[in-house]
Amino acid sequence: MKQLARVFVWGAVISFLGSLPLGVLNVTATQLSVENGIIMQLFRLFEWITTVLILLLSINSLIDAIKMEKISSIFPAEARNSFFSGMLLSALNPLHIIFWFGWSTILIEKNILHTNKRNYNFYTTGIGLGTLTGFAVFIFGGLYYSSVVV
């Protein structure tokens, strides 16, 4: 049981720390928490700055994509439920595959994660809890910041 707790904690910690760098999901979580809370002028400014930065990054990506032979467009899906939108964005993010293959390999090589069903269940449960906790930092951090600044 101690080994299963260790696997769970490693999955949760890695997932939590992996959720902290800014990305589409973190910015979306912060934006939703602010929009559902108190709206301030400061966040309007950040909204515009973020929009301009994303626009510039999009233009840069488009220019690079045009240089390629084939361009495939991804149609962004929009859902009413924020949780399911986050699940969709997370499922479509190819960086998760590389991130978790790398960490799983490291944990298996360090003999922390064993290749059996029970270990994988605890590991993925820890990953899920760590991800939810990481996004909660952005959600509740945005709400706290919006209430303190006012």
N, C-alpha and C. Protein backbone atom coordinates (compact mmCIF):
# COMPACT_ATOMS: atom_id res chain seq x y z
N MET A 1 0.82 -1.20 0.00
CA MET A 1 0.00 0.00 0.00
C MET A 1 0.86 1.26 0.00
N LYS A 2 2.01 1.18 0.67
CA LYS A 2 2.92 2.33 0.72
C LYS A 2 3.43 2.66 -0.69
N GLN A 3 3.69 1.61 -1.48
CA GLN A 3 4.17 1.81 -2.85
C GLN A 3 3.09 2.46 -3.71
N LEU A 4 1.83 2.07 -3.51
CA LEU A 4 0.73 2.67 -4.27
C LEU A 4 0.54 4.14 -3.90
N ALA A 5 0.70 4.45 -2.63
CA ALA A 5 0.61 5.85 -2.21
C ALA A 5 1.75 6.66 -2.82
N ARG A 6 2.92 6.06 -2.90
CA ARG A 6 4.07 6.74 -3.51
C ARG A 6 3.81 7.02 -5.00
N VAL A 7 3.26 6.05 -5.71
CA VAL A 7 2.93 6.23 -7.13
C VAL A 7 1.88 7.33 -7.30
N PHE A 8 0.87 7.30 -6.43
CA PHE A 8 -0.20 8.31 -6.47
C PHE A 8 0.37 9.71 -6.25
N VAL A 9 1.22 9.86 -5.24
CA VAL A 9 1.81 11.16 -4.93
C VAL A 9 2.69 11.65 -6.07
N TRP A 10 3.52 10.77 -6.64
CA TRP A 10 4.36 11.17 -7.77
C TRP A 10 3.51 11.65 -8.94
N GLY A 11 2.45 10.90 -9.26
CA GLY A 11 1.57 11.31 -10.36
C GLY A 11 0.93 12.66 -10.08
N ALA A 12 0.47 12.87 -8.85
CA ALA A 12 -0.19 14.13 -8.48
C ALA A 12 0.79 15.30 -8.51
N VAL A 13 1.98 15.11 -7.98
CA VAL A 13 2.97 16.20 -7.94
C VAL A 13 3.43 16.57 -9.34
N ILE A 14 3.74 15.57 -10.16
CA ILE A 14 4.18 15.85 -11.53
C ILE A 14 3.08 16.55 -12.31
N SER A 15 1.85 16.07 -12.16
CA SER A 15 0.73 16.67 -12.87
C SER A 15 0.47 18.10 -12.39
N PHE A 16 0.53 18.32 -11.08
CA PHE A 16 0.32 19.66 -10.54
C PHE A 16 1.37 20.63 -11.08
N LEU A 17 2.64 20.25 -11.00
CA LEU A 17 3.71 21.13 -11.48
C LEU A 17 3.65 21.31 -12.99
N GLY A 18 3.23 20.26 -13.71
CA GLY A 18 3.09 20.37 -15.16
C GLY A 18 1.93 21.25 -15.58
N SER A 19 0.96 21.45 -14.69
CA SER A 19 -0.19 22.30 -14.98
C SER A 19 0.08 23.77 -14.74
N LEU A 20 1.15 24.10 -14.03
CA LEU A 20 1.40 25.49 -13.65
C LEU A 20 1.92 26.39 -14.77
N PRO A 21 2.78 25.92 -15.70
CA PRO A 21 3.21 26.84 -16.75
C PRO A 21 2.03 27.34 -17.57
N LEU A 22 2.09 28.62 -17.95
CA LEU A 22 0.97 29.20 -18.69
C LEU A 22 0.74 28.48 -20.00
N GLY A 23 -0.50 28.23 -20.28
CA GLY A 23 -0.91 27.59 -21.51
C GLY A 23 -2.36 27.94 -21.78
N VAL A 24 -2.91 27.37 -22.82
CA VAL A 24 -4.28 27.67 -23.21
C VAL A 24 -5.26 27.34 -22.10
N LEU A 25 -5.10 26.17 -21.48
CA LEU A 25 -6.04 25.76 -20.43
C LEU A 25 -5.94 26.65 -19.20
N ASN A 26 -4.72 27.04 -18.81
CA ASN A 26 -4.56 27.88 -17.62
C ASN A 26 -5.16 29.26 -17.85
N VAL A 27 -4.90 29.84 -19.02
CA VAL A 27 -5.44 31.16 -19.33
C VAL A 27 -6.97 31.09 -19.40
N THR A 28 -7.50 30.02 -19.99
CA THR A 28 -8.96 29.86 -20.07
C THR A 28 -9.56 29.72 -18.68
N ALA A 29 -8.93 28.93 -17.81
CA ALA A 29 -9.44 28.76 -16.45
C ALA A 29 -9.44 30.07 -15.70
N THR A 30 -8.37 30.84 -15.84
CA THR A 30 -8.29 32.15 -15.17
C THR A 30 -9.34 33.09 -15.72
N GLN A 31 -9.50 33.11 -17.04
CA GLN A 31 -10.49 33.99 -17.66
C GLN A 31 -11.90 33.65 -17.20
N LEU A 32 -12.23 32.37 -17.17
CA LEU A 32 -13.57 31.97 -16.73
C LEU A 32 -13.82 32.34 -15.27
N SER A 33 -12.79 32.19 -14.43
CA SER A 33 -12.98 32.55 -13.03
C SER A 33 -13.17 34.04 -12.85
N VAL A 34 -12.47 34.82 -13.65
CA VAL A 34 -12.62 36.28 -13.56
C VAL A 34 -13.96 36.72 -14.14
N GLU A 35 -14.35 36.15 -15.28
CA GLU A 35 -15.62 36.54 -15.90
C GLU A 35 -16.81 36.20 -15.01
N ASN A 36 -16.70 35.11 -14.28
CA ASN A 36 -17.80 34.72 -13.40
C ASN A 36 -17.74 35.44 -12.07
N GLY A 37 -16.67 36.18 -11.82
CA GLY A 37 -16.52 36.95 -10.59
C GLY A 37 -16.68 38.43 -10.89
N ILE A 38 -15.83 39.24 -10.29
CA ILE A 38 -15.88 40.69 -10.44
C ILE A 38 -15.03 41.09 -11.63
N ILE A 39 -15.61 41.90 -12.54
CA ILE A 39 -14.88 42.35 -13.72
C ILE A 39 -14.28 43.72 -13.42
N MET A 40 -13.01 43.85 -13.71
CA MET A 40 -12.32 45.11 -13.42
C MET A 40 -11.63 45.63 -14.66
N GLN A 41 -11.23 46.88 -14.57
CA GLN A 41 -10.53 47.52 -15.68
C GLN A 41 -9.17 46.87 -15.94
N LEU A 42 -8.51 46.46 -14.87
CA LEU A 42 -7.20 45.83 -15.02
C LEU A 42 -7.30 44.56 -15.86
N PHE A 43 -8.32 43.77 -15.59
CA PHE A 43 -8.49 42.55 -16.35
C PHE A 43 -8.89 42.82 -17.79
N ARG A 44 -9.58 43.92 -18.03
CA ARG A 44 -9.88 44.32 -19.41
C ARG A 44 -8.58 44.62 -20.15
N LEU A 45 -7.66 45.31 -19.48
CA LEU A 45 -6.36 45.60 -20.08
C LEU A 45 -5.61 44.30 -20.38
N PHE A 46 -5.60 43.38 -19.40
CA PHE A 46 -4.94 42.09 -19.61
C PHE A 46 -5.62 41.30 -20.73
N GLU A 47 -6.92 41.44 -20.83
CA GLU A 47 -7.66 40.77 -21.89
C GLU A 47 -7.18 41.25 -23.26
N TRP A 48 -7.03 42.55 -23.40
CA TRP A 48 -6.57 43.11 -24.67
C TRP A 48 -5.12 42.74 -24.95
N ILE A 49 -4.28 42.79 -23.93
CA ILE A 49 -2.88 42.41 -24.12
C ILE A 49 -2.78 40.95 -24.53
N THR A 50 -3.54 40.09 -23.86
CA THR A 50 -3.55 38.67 -24.20
C THR A 50 -4.05 38.45 -25.61
N THR A 51 -5.11 39.17 -25.99
CA THR A 51 -5.65 39.04 -27.34
C THR A 51 -4.61 39.43 -28.38
N VAL A 52 -3.92 40.53 -28.15
CA VAL A 52 -2.88 40.98 -29.10
C VAL A 52 -1.75 39.96 -29.18
N LEU A 53 -1.31 39.44 -28.01
CA LEU A 53 -0.24 38.45 -28.02
C LEU A 53 -0.65 37.18 -28.76
N ILE A 54 -1.85 36.71 -28.51
CA ILE A 54 -2.33 35.50 -29.19
C ILE A 54 -2.46 35.76 -30.68
N LEU A 55 -2.94 36.96 -31.05
CA LEU A 55 -3.05 37.31 -32.46
C LEU A 55 -1.67 37.32 -33.13
N LEU A 56 -0.68 37.92 -32.46
CA LEU A 56 0.68 37.95 -33.02
C LEU A 56 1.27 36.54 -33.15
N LEU A 57 1.05 35.71 -32.13
CA LEU A 57 1.52 34.33 -32.20
C LEU A 57 0.81 33.55 -33.31
N SER A 58 -0.49 33.83 -33.48
CA SER A 58 -1.26 33.16 -34.53
C SER A 58 -0.76 33.56 -35.91
N ILE A 59 -0.50 34.84 -36.09
CA ILE A 59 0.02 35.32 -37.38
C ILE A 59 1.37 34.68 -37.66
N ASN A 60 2.23 34.63 -36.65
CA ASN A 60 3.53 34.00 -36.81
C ASN A 60 3.38 32.52 -37.17
N SER A 61 2.47 31.82 -36.51
CA SER A 61 2.23 30.41 -36.81
C SER A 61 1.68 30.24 -38.22
N LEU A 62 0.80 31.15 -38.62
CA LEU A 62 0.22 31.09 -39.97
C LEU A 62 1.30 31.29 -41.03
N ILE A 63 2.19 32.25 -40.80
CA ILE A 63 3.28 32.49 -41.74
C ILE A 63 4.16 31.24 -41.86
N ASP A 64 4.47 30.61 -40.72
CA ASP A 64 5.26 29.38 -40.74
C ASP A 64 4.50 28.24 -41.41
N ALA A 65 3.20 28.17 -41.19
CA ALA A 65 2.39 27.11 -41.79
C ALA A 65 2.31 27.28 -43.31
N ILE A 66 2.26 28.51 -43.78
CA ILE A 66 2.19 28.75 -45.23
C ILE A 66 3.47 28.24 -45.91
N LYS A 67 4.58 28.30 -45.21
CA LYS A 67 5.84 27.82 -45.76
C LYS A 67 5.86 26.31 -45.91
N MET A 68 4.95 25.61 -45.23
CA MET A 68 4.87 24.16 -45.33
C MET A 68 4.11 23.77 -46.59
N GLU A 69 4.20 22.51 -46.99
CA GLU A 69 3.54 22.05 -48.21
C GLU A 69 2.02 21.96 -48.04
N LYS A 70 1.58 21.36 -46.96
CA LYS A 70 0.16 21.19 -46.72
C LYS A 70 -0.23 21.88 -45.43
N ILE A 71 -1.40 22.52 -45.45
CA ILE A 71 -1.90 23.18 -44.26
C ILE A 71 -3.22 22.53 -43.89
N SER A 72 -3.33 22.08 -42.68
CA SER A 72 -4.60 21.53 -42.21
C SER A 72 -5.11 22.44 -41.11
N SER A 73 -6.35 22.84 -41.21
CA SER A 73 -6.90 23.74 -40.21
C SER A 73 -7.63 22.94 -39.14
N ILE A 74 -7.55 23.45 -37.95
CA ILE A 74 -8.25 22.84 -36.82
C ILE A 74 -9.40 23.76 -36.45
N PHE A 75 -10.61 23.23 -36.48
CA PHE A 75 -11.79 24.01 -36.15
C PHE A 75 -11.98 23.97 -34.64
N PRO A 76 -11.86 25.12 -33.97
CA PRO A 76 -12.02 25.11 -32.50
C PRO A 76 -13.48 24.87 -32.11
N ALA A 77 -13.66 23.86 -31.29
CA ALA A 77 -15.01 23.55 -30.82
C ALA A 77 -15.32 24.38 -29.58
N GLU A 78 -16.55 24.82 -29.48
CA GLU A 78 -16.96 25.62 -28.33
C GLU A 78 -18.11 24.89 -27.64
N ALA A 79 -18.00 24.76 -26.36
CA ALA A 79 -19.04 24.06 -25.61
C ALA A 79 -19.58 24.98 -24.52
N ARG A 80 -20.77 24.70 -24.07
CA ARG A 80 -21.40 25.51 -23.02
C ARG A 80 -20.78 25.22 -21.65
N ASN A 81 -20.36 23.99 -21.42
CA ASN A 81 -19.84 23.58 -20.13
C ASN A 81 -18.32 23.77 -20.10
N SER A 82 -17.84 24.56 -19.16
CA SER A 82 -16.40 24.86 -19.06
C SER A 82 -15.58 23.60 -18.79
N PHE A 83 -16.11 22.70 -17.97
CA PHE A 83 -15.39 21.47 -17.64
C PHE A 83 -15.15 20.63 -18.88
N PHE A 84 -16.20 20.45 -19.70
CA PHE A 84 -16.06 19.65 -20.91
C PHE A 84 -15.22 20.35 -21.97
N SER A 85 -15.27 21.68 -22.00
CA SER A 85 -14.38 22.43 -22.91
C SER A 85 -12.93 22.18 -22.53
N GLY A 86 -12.65 22.21 -21.22
CA GLY A 86 -11.30 21.94 -20.74
C GLY A 86 -10.86 20.53 -21.05
N MET A 87 -11.77 19.56 -20.90
CA MET A 87 -11.44 18.18 -21.24
C MET A 87 -11.11 18.05 -22.73
N LEU A 88 -11.89 18.75 -23.57
CA LEU A 88 -11.65 18.69 -25.01
C LEU A 88 -10.31 19.33 -25.36
N LEU A 89 -10.03 20.51 -24.79
CA LEU A 89 -8.75 21.16 -25.06
C LEU A 89 -7.58 20.30 -24.57
N SER A 90 -7.74 19.69 -23.42
CA SER A 90 -6.70 18.84 -22.87
C SER A 90 -6.48 17.59 -23.74
N ALA A 91 -7.56 17.01 -24.22
CA ALA A 91 -7.46 15.81 -25.06
C ALA A 91 -6.81 16.12 -26.41
N LEU A 92 -7.02 17.34 -26.91
CA LEU A 92 -6.47 17.71 -28.21
C LEU A 92 -5.03 18.22 -28.13
N ASN A 93 -4.49 18.38 -26.94
CA ASN A 93 -3.15 18.91 -26.77
C ASN A 93 -2.12 17.79 -26.91
N PRO A 94 -1.36 17.77 -28.01
CA PRO A 94 -0.42 16.67 -28.23
C PRO A 94 0.77 16.69 -27.27
N LEU A 95 1.02 17.81 -26.59
CA LEU A 95 2.15 17.87 -25.67
C LEU A 95 1.96 16.96 -24.46
N HIS A 96 0.69 16.65 -24.13
CA HIS A 96 0.43 15.75 -23.00
C HIS A 96 1.04 14.38 -23.25
N ILE A 97 0.98 13.92 -24.49
CA ILE A 97 1.49 12.59 -24.82
C ILE A 97 2.99 12.52 -24.56
N ILE A 98 3.71 13.49 -25.06
CA ILE A 98 5.16 13.53 -24.88
C ILE A 98 5.51 13.68 -23.40
N PHE A 99 4.81 14.60 -22.73
CA PHE A 99 5.06 14.87 -21.31
C PHE A 99 4.89 13.60 -20.49
N TRP A 100 3.75 12.89 -20.65
CA TRP A 100 3.48 11.74 -19.81
C TRP A 100 4.26 10.50 -20.21
N PHE A 101 4.57 10.33 -21.51
CA PHE A 101 5.46 9.22 -21.89
C PHE A 101 6.82 9.39 -21.23
N GLY A 102 7.32 10.62 -21.26
CA GLY A 102 8.63 10.89 -20.65
C GLY A 102 8.63 10.63 -19.15
N TRP A 103 7.66 11.20 -18.44
CA TRP A 103 7.63 11.02 -16.99
C TRP A 103 7.33 9.58 -16.59
N SER A 104 6.46 8.92 -17.31
CA SER A 104 6.16 7.52 -16.99
C SER A 104 7.39 6.65 -17.17
N THR A 105 8.15 6.90 -18.24
CA THR A 105 9.38 6.15 -18.48
C THR A 105 10.39 6.39 -17.35
N ILE A 106 10.54 7.63 -16.93
CA ILE A 106 11.46 7.95 -15.84
C ILE A 106 11.05 7.23 -14.56
N LEU A 107 9.74 7.29 -14.24
CA LEU A 107 9.27 6.65 -13.00
C LEU A 107 9.40 5.13 -13.06
N ILE A 108 9.22 4.54 -14.24
CA ILE A 108 9.40 3.09 -14.38
C ILE A 108 10.88 2.73 -14.22
N GLU A 109 11.77 3.51 -14.84
CA GLU A 109 13.21 3.24 -14.75
C GLU A 109 13.73 3.43 -13.32
N LYS A 110 13.14 4.36 -12.56
CA LYS A 110 13.54 4.60 -11.17
C LYS A 110 12.87 3.62 -10.21
N ASN A 111 12.09 2.69 -10.78
CA ASN A 111 11.39 1.66 -10.01
C ASN A 111 10.37 2.25 -9.04
N ILE A 112 9.81 3.40 -9.40
CA ILE A 112 8.75 4.02 -8.60
C ILE A 112 7.39 3.53 -9.11
N LEU A 113 7.24 3.50 -10.42
CA LEU A 113 6.01 3.03 -11.05
C LEU A 113 6.24 1.62 -11.59
N HIS A 114 5.42 0.69 -11.12
CA HIS A 114 5.52 -0.70 -11.60
C HIS A 114 4.46 -0.91 -12.67
N THR A 115 4.77 -1.78 -13.62
CA THR A 115 3.88 -1.99 -14.77
C THR A 115 2.82 -3.03 -14.44
N ASN A 116 1.87 -2.62 -13.61
CA ASN A 116 0.70 -3.47 -13.36
C ASN A 116 -0.53 -2.58 -13.24
N LYS A 117 -1.68 -3.20 -13.34
CA LYS A 117 -2.95 -2.47 -13.41
C LYS A 117 -3.18 -1.60 -12.17
N ARG A 118 -2.90 -2.12 -11.01
CA ARG A 118 -3.17 -1.40 -9.77
C ARG A 118 -2.31 -0.13 -9.68
N ASN A 119 -1.04 -0.24 -10.04
CA ASN A 119 -0.14 0.92 -10.03
C ASN A 119 -0.61 1.97 -11.02
N TYR A 120 -0.99 1.53 -12.21
CA TYR A 120 -1.45 2.49 -13.22
C TYR A 120 -2.73 3.20 -12.79
N ASN A 121 -3.62 2.49 -12.11
CA ASN A 121 -4.85 3.11 -11.63
C ASN A 121 -4.55 4.20 -10.60
N PHE A 122 -3.66 3.91 -9.65
CA PHE A 122 -3.29 4.93 -8.66
C PHE A 122 -2.54 6.09 -9.31
N TYR A 123 -1.69 5.76 -10.27
CA TYR A 123 -0.90 6.78 -10.98
C TYR A 123 -1.82 7.73 -11.75
N THR A 124 -2.76 7.19 -12.50
CA THR A 124 -3.66 8.05 -13.29
C THR A 124 -4.62 8.82 -12.38
N THR A 125 -5.00 8.24 -11.25
CA THR A 125 -5.83 8.98 -10.29
C THR A 125 -5.04 10.15 -9.71
N GLY A 126 -3.79 9.91 -9.40
CA GLY A 126 -2.92 10.98 -8.92
C GLY A 126 -2.72 12.06 -9.97
N ILE A 127 -2.56 11.65 -11.22
CA ILE A 127 -2.41 12.60 -12.32
C ILE A 127 -3.66 13.48 -12.43
N GLY A 128 -4.82 12.85 -12.37
CA GLY A 128 -6.07 13.61 -12.45
C GLY A 128 -6.22 14.61 -11.31
N LEU A 129 -5.93 14.17 -10.10
CA LEU A 129 -6.03 15.06 -8.94
C LEU A 129 -5.01 16.19 -9.02
N GLY A 130 -3.79 15.87 -9.47
CA GLY A 130 -2.76 16.90 -9.62
C GLY A 130 -3.14 17.94 -10.66
N THR A 131 -3.72 17.50 -11.76
CA THR A 131 -4.15 18.43 -12.80
C THR A 131 -5.27 19.33 -12.30
N LEU A 132 -6.26 18.74 -11.64
CA LEU A 132 -7.35 19.54 -11.09
C LEU A 132 -6.84 20.55 -10.07
N THR A 133 -5.89 20.14 -9.24
CA THR A 133 -5.32 21.05 -8.25
C THR A 133 -4.53 22.18 -8.92
N GLY A 134 -3.78 21.84 -9.97
CA GLY A 134 -3.04 22.86 -10.70
C GLY A 134 -3.94 23.89 -11.34
N PHE A 135 -5.03 23.43 -11.96
CA PHE A 135 -5.96 24.38 -12.57
C PHE A 135 -6.73 25.16 -11.52
N ALA A 136 -6.96 24.54 -10.36
CA ALA A 136 -7.64 25.26 -9.27
C ALA A 136 -6.82 26.45 -8.81
N VAL A 137 -5.48 26.34 -8.88
CA VAL A 137 -4.62 27.47 -8.53
C VAL A 137 -4.95 28.67 -9.41
N PHE A 138 -5.11 28.42 -10.72
CA PHE A 138 -5.42 29.51 -11.64
C PHE A 138 -6.86 30.01 -11.47
N ILE A 139 -7.79 29.10 -11.27
CA ILE A 139 -9.20 29.50 -11.12
C ILE A 139 -9.39 30.32 -9.85
N PHE A 140 -8.99 29.76 -8.71
CA PHE A 140 -9.21 30.45 -7.45
C PHE A 140 -8.23 31.60 -7.25
N GLY A 141 -7.05 31.49 -7.86
CA GLY A 141 -6.11 32.60 -7.83
C GLY A 141 -6.67 33.81 -8.56
N GLY A 142 -7.32 33.57 -9.70
CA GLY A 142 -7.96 34.67 -10.44
C GLY A 142 -9.09 35.28 -9.65
N LEU A 143 -9.89 34.43 -9.01
CA LEU A 143 -10.99 34.95 -8.19
C LEU A 143 -10.47 35.74 -6.99
N TYR A 144 -9.44 35.20 -6.34
CA TYR A 144 -8.87 35.89 -5.17
C TYR A 144 -8.27 37.22 -5.59
N TYR A 145 -7.51 37.22 -6.67
CA TYR A 145 -6.86 38.44 -7.14
C TYR A 145 -7.92 39.48 -7.53
N SER A 146 -9.00 39.04 -8.17
CA SER A 146 -10.03 39.99 -8.58
C SER A 146 -10.76 40.58 -7.37
N SER A 147 -10.86 39.82 -6.28
CA SER A 147 -11.54 40.35 -5.09
C SER A 147 -10.61 41.24 -4.26
N VAL A 148 -9.30 40.99 -4.28
CA VAL A 148 -8.36 41.79 -3.51
C VAL A 148 -8.08 43.12 -4.17
N VAL A 149 -7.97 43.13 -5.49
CA VAL A 149 -7.62 44.35 -6.22
C VAL A 149 -8.76 45.37 -6.15
N VAL A 150 -9.99 44.90 -6.07
CA VAL A 150 -11.14 45.82 -5.99
C VAL A 150 -11.19 46.41 -4.67
